[in-house]
Amino acid sequence: MQHGDKLRLRGRGIFSSERGLKGDQYVEVRVVLPRTLTQRQRELLEEFDQDERKKLSSKSWWKGS
């Protein structure tokens, strides 16, 4: 799932008294990233990145500066 993805949650929307059931709820994913990191946060993200690289054998998911 990525920023901007849109999801349809069937039966999770507002109840319709006319139809007697709930409609669908539409959700847009919004990811907000911090502009600055503490040293500890950066270390944790780098550790996570290393684990993901080993698992996925692909490029970094995180492009830290």
C-alpha atoms as a PDB file:
ATOM      1  CA  MET A   1       0.000   0.000   0.000  1.00  0.00           C
ATOM      2  CA  GLN A   2       1.360   3.397  -0.986  1.00  0.00           C
ATOM      3  CA  HIS A   3       0.529   7.068  -0.507  1.00  0.00           C
ATOM      4  CA  GLY A   4      -2.436   8.015  -2.674  1.00  0.00           C
ATOM      5  CA  ASP A   5      -3.884   4.505  -2.933  1.00  0.00           C
ATOM      6  CA  LYS A   6      -7.661   4.368  -2.712  1.00  0.00           C
ATOM      7  CA  LEU A   7      -9.510   1.560  -0.967  1.00  0.00           C
ATOM      8  CA  ARG A   8     -13.114   0.465  -1.062  1.00  0.00           C
ATOM      9  CA  LEU A   9     -14.385  -1.030   2.193  1.00  0.00           C
ATOM     10  CA  ARG A  10     -17.579  -2.860   1.312  1.00  0.00           C
ATOM     11  CA  GLY A  11     -20.307  -2.655   3.923  1.00  0.00           C
ATOM     12  CA  ARG A  12     -18.292  -0.288   6.138  1.00  0.00           C
ATOM     13  CA  GLY A  13     -19.958   2.981   5.109  1.00  0.00           C
ATOM     14  CA  ILE A  14     -22.992   4.928   6.303  1.00  0.00           C
ATOM     15  CA  PHE A  15     -26.223   3.067   7.034  1.00  0.00           C
ATOM     16  CA  SER A  16     -28.962   3.614   4.445  1.00  0.00           C
ATOM     17  CA  SER A  17     -32.462   3.485   5.920  1.00  0.00           C
ATOM     18  CA  GLU A  18     -33.898   3.178   2.399  1.00  0.00           C
ATOM     19  CA  ARG A  19     -31.921   0.038   1.586  1.00  0.00           C
ATOM     20  CA  GLY A  20     -31.617  -1.232   5.152  1.00  0.00           C
ATOM     21  CA  LEU A  21     -27.871  -1.806   5.006  1.00  0.00           C
ATOM     22  CA  LYS A  22     -24.540  -0.060   5.103  1.00  0.00           C
ATOM     23  CA  GLY A  23     -22.938   1.308   1.968  1.00  0.00           C
ATOM     24  CA  ASP A  24     -19.289   1.244   1.017  1.00  0.00           C
ATOM     25  CA  GLN A  25     -16.660   3.457   2.574  1.00  0.00           C
ATOM     26  CA  TYR A  26     -13.925   4.870   0.345  1.00  0.00           C
ATOM     27  CA  VAL A  27     -10.569   5.645   1.930  1.00  0.00           C
ATOM     28  CA  GLU A  28      -7.505   7.398   0.516  1.00  0.00           C
ATOM     29  CA  VAL A  29      -4.138   6.512   2.069  1.00  0.00           C
ATOM     30  CA  ARG A  30      -2.045   9.502   3.085  1.00  0.00           C
ATOM     31  CA  VAL A  31       1.441   8.989   4.433  1.00  0.00           C
ATOM     32  CA  VAL A  32       3.126  11.836   6.299  1.00  0.00           C
ATOM     33  CA  LEU A  33       6.845  11.521   6.874  1.00  0.00           C
ATOM     34  CA  PRO A  34       8.824  13.504   9.430  1.00  0.00           C
ATOM     35  CA  ARG A  35      11.117  16.188   8.040  1.00  0.00           C
ATOM     36  CA  THR A  36      13.809  15.541  10.640  1.00  0.00           C
ATOM     37  CA  LEU A  37      14.807  12.454  12.585  1.00  0.00           C
ATOM     38  CA  THR A  38      16.585  11.994  15.871  1.00  0.00           C
ATOM     39  CA  GLN A  39      19.799   9.988  15.760  1.00  0.00           C
ATOM     40  CA  ARG A  40      17.967   7.015  17.331  1.00  0.00           C
ATOM     41  CA  GLN A  41      15.130   7.178  14.763  1.00  0.00           C
ATOM     42  CA  ARG A  42      17.649   7.271  11.924  1.00  0.00           C
ATOM     43  CA  GLU A  43      19.496   4.247  13.374  1.00  0.00           C
ATOM     44  CA  LEU A  44      16.236   2.303  13.658  1.00  0.00           C
ATOM     45  CA  LEU A  45      15.233   3.130  10.080  1.00  0.00           C
ATOM     46  CA  GLU A  46      18.651   2.109   8.783  1.00  0.00           C
ATOM     47  CA  GLU A  47      18.410  -1.157  10.718  1.00  0.00           C
ATOM     48  CA  PHE A  48      14.957  -1.763   9.261  1.00  0.00           C
ATOM     49  CA  ASP A  49      16.291  -0.958   5.776  1.00  0.00           C
ATOM     50  CA  GLN A  50      19.088  -3.503   6.151  1.00  0.00           C
ATOM     51  CA  ASP A  51      16.619  -6.185   7.262  1.00  0.00           C
ATOM     52  CA  GLU A  52      14.329  -5.405   4.321  1.00  0.00           C
ATOM     53  CA  ARG A  53      17.212  -5.521   1.853  1.00  0.00           C
ATOM     54  CA  LYS A  54      18.196  -8.959   3.113  1.00  0.00           C
ATOM     55  CA  LYS A  55      14.616 -10.165   2.912  1.00  0.00           C
ATOM     56  CA  LEU A  56      13.749  -8.669  -0.472  1.00  0.00           C
ATOM     57  CA  SER A  57      17.198  -8.549  -2.096  1.00  0.00           C
ATOM     58  CA  SER A  58      16.222  -5.290  -3.763  1.00  0.00           C
ATOM     59  CA  LYS A  59      16.958  -1.570  -3.628  1.00  0.00           C
ATOM     60  CA  SER A  60      16.391   0.437  -0.482  1.00  0.00           C
ATOM     61  CA  TRP A  61      12.736   1.267   0.246  1.00  0.00           C
ATOM     62  CA  TRP A  62      13.982   4.311   2.144  1.00  0.00           C
ATOM     63  CA  LYS A  63      16.091   6.930   0.473  1.00  0.00           C
ATOM     64  CA  GLY A  64      17.423   8.798   3.478  1.00  0.00           C
ATOM     65  CA  SER A  65      19.808  11.677   2.995  1.00  0.00           C
END
